[in-house]
Amino acid sequence: MDGAYRRPCPPTDPRWRVRDFPGASVTLGHMGELLPFQPARLDSRYKVLTSSRQMRHLPSHYVRNNIHGTTSGVCSHAALLGATHAVGIGRVLVAVDYPFESTVEAIDFLRTAQYAPADLDRIAHGNAERILHL
């Protein structure tokens, strides 16, 4: 690949993606694949990285502003509360994880979540409609 453009850090380095696409958002299943629960750990590890190129913000900023999480496969009220607290009610969407999980269980889980009706509507459909332009 002689003469090919080379970036200072490889494309597999997450800092490359955040730096080049700061407005991008990613929707992850299973309550955000645990990222919403790790902001302090991500920030502490980032602070000790040795790199000549730094991100504009700490990793926790990007988790809060660029990650959407779905409930898929995680029917836990504690996890839902943690995810909505970490990334905000407007960044959590309902999902089922069919065929691995029960659709009935996922819907019953959402119906029994202790949120205001308007917030449940956002999680159940409003966020998806807004994010996916439905």
C-alpha atoms as a PDB file:
ATOM      1  CA  MET A   1       0.000   0.000   0.000  1.00  0.00           C
ATOM      2  CA  ASP A   2       2.764   2.380  -0.876  1.00  0.00           C
ATOM      3  CA  GLY A   3       1.540   5.972  -1.050  1.00  0.00           C
ATOM      4  CA  ALA A   4      -1.688   5.208   0.840  1.00  0.00           C
ATOM      5  CA  TYR A   5      -2.949   7.770   3.306  1.00  0.00           C
ATOM      6  CA  ARG A   6      -2.082   6.750   6.840  1.00  0.00           C
ATOM      7  CA  ARG A   7      -3.641   8.165   9.976  1.00  0.00           C
ATOM      8  CA  PRO A   8      -1.508   8.680  13.096  1.00  0.00           C
ATOM      9  CA  CYS A   9      -3.609   6.139  14.968  1.00  0.00           C
ATOM     10  CA  PRO A  10      -5.148   3.049  13.362  1.00  0.00           C
ATOM     11  CA  PRO A  11      -8.876   2.948  12.484  1.00  0.00           C
ATOM     12  CA  THR A  12      -9.356   0.283  15.150  1.00  0.00           C
ATOM     13  CA  ASP A  13      -8.420   2.845  17.811  1.00  0.00           C
ATOM     14  CA  PRO A  14     -11.723   4.246  19.233  1.00  0.00           C
ATOM     15  CA  ARG A  15     -10.171   7.716  19.583  1.00  0.00           C
ATOM     16  CA  TRP A  16      -9.863   7.853  15.787  1.00  0.00           C
ATOM     17  CA  ARG A  17     -13.579   7.348  15.304  1.00  0.00           C
ATOM     18  CA  VAL A  18     -14.610   9.859  17.948  1.00  0.00           C
ATOM     19  CA  ARG A  19     -12.202  12.461  16.675  1.00  0.00           C
ATOM     20  CA  ASP A  20     -13.204  12.128  13.033  1.00  0.00           C
ATOM     21  CA  PHE A  21     -16.953  11.756  13.570  1.00  0.00           C
ATOM     22  CA  PRO A  22     -17.851  13.733  16.715  1.00  0.00           C
ATOM     23  CA  GLY A  23     -21.548  13.942  15.812  1.00  0.00           C
ATOM     24  CA  ALA A  24     -21.993  10.244  15.073  1.00  0.00           C
ATOM     25  CA  SER A  25     -24.228   8.181  17.296  1.00  0.00           C
ATOM     26  CA  VAL A  26     -24.266   4.454  17.889  1.00  0.00           C
ATOM     27  CA  THR A  27     -27.177   2.354  19.096  1.00  0.00           C
ATOM     28  CA  LEU A  28     -26.087  -0.618  21.169  1.00  0.00           C
ATOM     29  CA  GLY A  29     -28.227  -3.446  22.497  1.00  0.00           C
ATOM     30  CA  HIS A  30     -28.278  -4.991  25.953  1.00  0.00           C
ATOM     31  CA  MET A  31     -28.499  -1.676  27.830  1.00  0.00           C
ATOM     32  CA  GLY A  32     -25.679  -0.149  25.803  1.00  0.00           C
ATOM     33  CA  GLU A  33     -23.407  -3.196  26.170  1.00  0.00           C
ATOM     34  CA  LEU A  34     -22.544  -1.973  29.682  1.00  0.00           C
ATOM     35  CA  LEU A  35     -20.880   1.235  28.443  1.00  0.00           C
ATOM     36  CA  PRO A  36     -23.373   3.468  30.306  1.00  0.00           C
ATOM     37  CA  PHE A  37     -22.257   1.763  33.534  1.00  0.00           C
ATOM     38  CA  GLN A  38     -18.530   2.357  33.004  1.00  0.00           C
ATOM     39  CA  PRO A  39     -17.972   6.133  32.628  1.00  0.00           C
ATOM     40  CA  ALA A  40     -15.682   6.486  35.639  1.00  0.00           C
ATOM     41  CA  ARG A  41     -13.601   3.503  34.545  1.00  0.00           C
ATOM     42  CA  LEU A  42     -13.355   4.754  30.955  1.00  0.00           C
ATOM     43  CA  ASP A  43     -12.297   8.208  32.128  1.00  0.00           C
ATOM     44  CA  SER A  44      -9.720   6.931  34.599  1.00  0.00           C
ATOM     45  CA  ARG A  45      -8.105   4.656  32.005  1.00  0.00           C
ATOM     46  CA  TYR A  46      -8.136   7.404  29.378  1.00  0.00           C
ATOM     47  CA  LYS A  47      -6.342   9.793  31.731  1.00  0.00           C
ATOM     48  CA  VAL A  48      -3.332   7.454  31.943  1.00  0.00           C
ATOM     49  CA  LEU A  49      -3.073   6.792  28.196  1.00  0.00           C
ATOM     50  CA  THR A  50       0.073   8.006  26.575  1.00  0.00           C
ATOM     51  CA  SER A  51      -0.780   9.459  23.206  1.00  0.00           C
ATOM     52  CA  SER A  52       0.228  12.526  21.282  1.00  0.00           C
ATOM     53  CA  ARG A  53      -3.387  12.975  20.109  1.00  0.00           C
ATOM     54  CA  GLN A  54      -6.092  13.598  22.629  1.00  0.00           C
ATOM     55  CA  MET A  55      -9.861  13.583  22.374  1.00  0.00           C
ATOM     56  CA  ARG A  56     -11.665  16.868  22.927  1.00  0.00           C
ATOM     57  CA  HIS A  57     -13.669  15.372  25.825  1.00  0.00           C
ATOM     58  CA  LEU A  58     -13.359  12.509  28.267  1.00  0.00           C
ATOM     59  CA  PRO A  59     -14.860   9.182  27.137  1.00  0.00           C
ATOM     60  CA  SER A  60     -17.827   9.631  29.496  1.00  0.00           C
ATOM     61  CA  HIS A  61     -18.910  12.669  27.455  1.00  0.00           C
ATOM     62  CA  TYR A  62     -19.141  10.551  24.311  1.00  0.00           C
ATOM     63  CA  VAL A  63     -21.021   7.790  26.129  1.00  0.00           C
ATOM     64  CA  ARG A  64     -23.591  10.356  27.338  1.00  0.00           C
ATOM     65  CA  ASN A  65     -23.866  12.146  23.992  1.00  0.00           C
ATOM     66  CA  ASN A  66     -23.177   9.585  21.266  1.00  0.00           C
ATOM     67  CA  ILE A  67     -24.531   6.272  22.590  1.00  0.00           C
ATOM     68  CA  HIS A  68     -28.124   5.061  22.475  1.00  0.00           C
ATOM     69  CA  GLY A  69     -28.944   1.848  24.320  1.00  0.00           C
ATOM     70  CA  THR A  70     -31.742  -0.629  23.879  1.00  0.00           C
ATOM     71  CA  THR A  71     -33.324  -2.847  26.501  1.00  0.00           C
ATOM     72  CA  SER A  72     -32.836  -5.943  24.332  1.00  0.00           C
ATOM     73  CA  GLY A  73     -32.349  -9.005  26.472  1.00  0.00           C
ATOM     74  CA  VAL A  74     -32.034  -7.084  29.751  1.00  0.00           C
ATOM     75  CA  CYS A  75     -35.349  -7.069  31.595  1.00  0.00           C
ATOM     76  CA  SER A  76     -33.993  -5.542  34.775  1.00  0.00           C
ATOM     77  CA  HIS A  77     -35.505  -2.444  36.335  1.00  0.00           C
ATOM     78  CA  ALA A  78     -32.217  -1.640  38.071  1.00  0.00           C
ATOM     79  CA  ALA A  79     -30.352  -1.798  34.749  1.00  0.00           C
ATOM     80  CA  LEU A  80     -32.996   0.360  33.039  1.00  0.00           C
ATOM     81  CA  LEU A  81     -32.774   2.942  35.815  1.00  0.00           C
ATOM     82  CA  GLY A  82     -28.979   2.924  35.547  1.00  0.00           C
ATOM     83  CA  ALA A  83     -29.030   3.290  31.768  1.00  0.00           C
ATOM     84  CA  THR A  84     -31.546   6.136  31.783  1.00  0.00           C
ATOM     85  CA  HIS A  85     -29.583   7.858  34.534  1.00  0.00           C
ATOM     86  CA  ALA A  86     -26.278   7.453  32.668  1.00  0.00           C
ATOM     87  CA  VAL A  87     -27.285   8.439  29.130  1.00  0.00           C
ATOM     88  CA  GLY A  88     -30.658  10.090  29.653  1.00  0.00           C
ATOM     89  CA  ILE A  89     -34.224   8.986  29.077  1.00  0.00           C
ATOM     90  CA  GLY A  90     -34.046  10.217  25.488  1.00  0.00           C
ATOM     91  CA  ARG A  91     -31.285   7.748  24.586  1.00  0.00           C
ATOM     92  CA  VAL A  92     -32.893   4.470  25.691  1.00  0.00           C
ATOM     93  CA  LEU A  93     -35.134   2.460  23.373  1.00  0.00           C
ATOM     94  CA  VAL A  94     -37.160  -0.660  23.938  1.00  0.00           C
ATOM     95  CA  ALA A  95     -36.078  -3.820  22.114  1.00  0.00           C
ATOM     96  CA  VAL A  96     -36.809  -7.496  22.555  1.00  0.00           C
ATOM     97  CA  ASP A  97     -33.786  -9.536  21.371  1.00  0.00           C
ATOM     98  CA  TYR A  98     -36.023 -12.020  19.546  1.00  0.00           C
ATOM     99  CA  PRO A  99     -35.678 -14.997  19.175  1.00  0.00           C
ATOM    100  CA  PHE A 100     -33.430 -15.261  22.225  1.00  0.00           C
ATOM    101  CA  GLU A 101     -35.767 -13.531  24.668  1.00  0.00           C
ATOM    102  CA  SER A 102     -39.509 -13.510  25.195  1.00  0.00           C
ATOM    103  CA  THR A 103     -41.463 -10.656  23.609  1.00  0.00           C
ATOM    104  CA  VAL A 104     -44.166 -10.993  26.288  1.00  0.00           C
ATOM    105  CA  GLU A 105     -41.577 -10.738  29.070  1.00  0.00           C
ATOM    106  CA  ALA A 106     -39.950  -7.692  27.470  1.00  0.00           C
ATOM    107  CA  ILE A 107     -43.283  -5.870  27.149  1.00  0.00           C
ATOM    108  CA  ASP A 108     -44.359  -6.818  30.696  1.00  0.00           C
ATOM    109  CA  PHE A 109     -41.004  -5.547  31.933  1.00  0.00           C
ATOM    110  CA  LEU A 110     -41.549  -2.179  30.287  1.00  0.00           C
ATOM    111  CA  ARG A 111     -45.137  -1.929  31.537  1.00  0.00           C
ATOM    112  CA  THR A 112     -43.988  -2.441  35.133  1.00  0.00           C
ATOM    113  CA  ALA A 113     -41.103   0.036  34.983  1.00  0.00           C
ATOM    114  CA  GLN A 114     -41.539   2.853  37.499  1.00  0.00           C
ATOM    115  CA  TYR A 115     -41.401   5.844  35.159  1.00  0.00           C
ATOM    116  CA  ALA A 116     -43.820   8.636  34.367  1.00  0.00           C
ATOM    117  CA  PRO A 117     -46.156   7.721  31.489  1.00  0.00           C
ATOM    118  CA  ALA A 118     -44.503  10.294  29.201  1.00  0.00           C
ATOM    119  CA  ASP A 119     -41.066   8.771  29.864  1.00  0.00           C
ATOM    120  CA  LEU A 120     -42.365   5.245  29.225  1.00  0.00           C
ATOM    121  CA  ASP A 121     -43.805   6.474  25.929  1.00  0.00           C
ATOM    122  CA  ARG A 122     -40.389   7.851  24.967  1.00  0.00           C
ATOM    123  CA  ILE A 123     -38.673   4.548  25.766  1.00  0.00           C
ATOM    124  CA  ALA A 124     -41.424   2.447  24.146  1.00  0.00           C
ATOM    125  CA  HIS A 125     -41.620   4.314  20.844  1.00  0.00           C
ATOM    126  CA  GLY A 126     -40.913   8.055  20.983  1.00  0.00           C
ATOM    127  CA  ASN A 127     -37.127   7.807  21.037  1.00  0.00           C
ATOM    128  CA  ALA A 128     -37.087   5.347  18.139  1.00  0.00           C
ATOM    129  CA  GLU A 129     -39.416   7.572  16.126  1.00  0.00           C
ATOM    130  CA  ARG A 130     -37.144  10.579  16.709  1.00  0.00           C
ATOM    131  CA  ILE A 131     -33.781   8.852  16.256  1.00  0.00           C
ATOM    132  CA  LEU A 132     -34.782   6.730  13.264  1.00  0.00           C
ATOM    133  CA  HIS A 133     -37.004   9.405  11.678  1.00  0.00           C
ATOM    134  CA  LEU A 134     -40.043   7.101  11.689  1.00  0.00           C
END
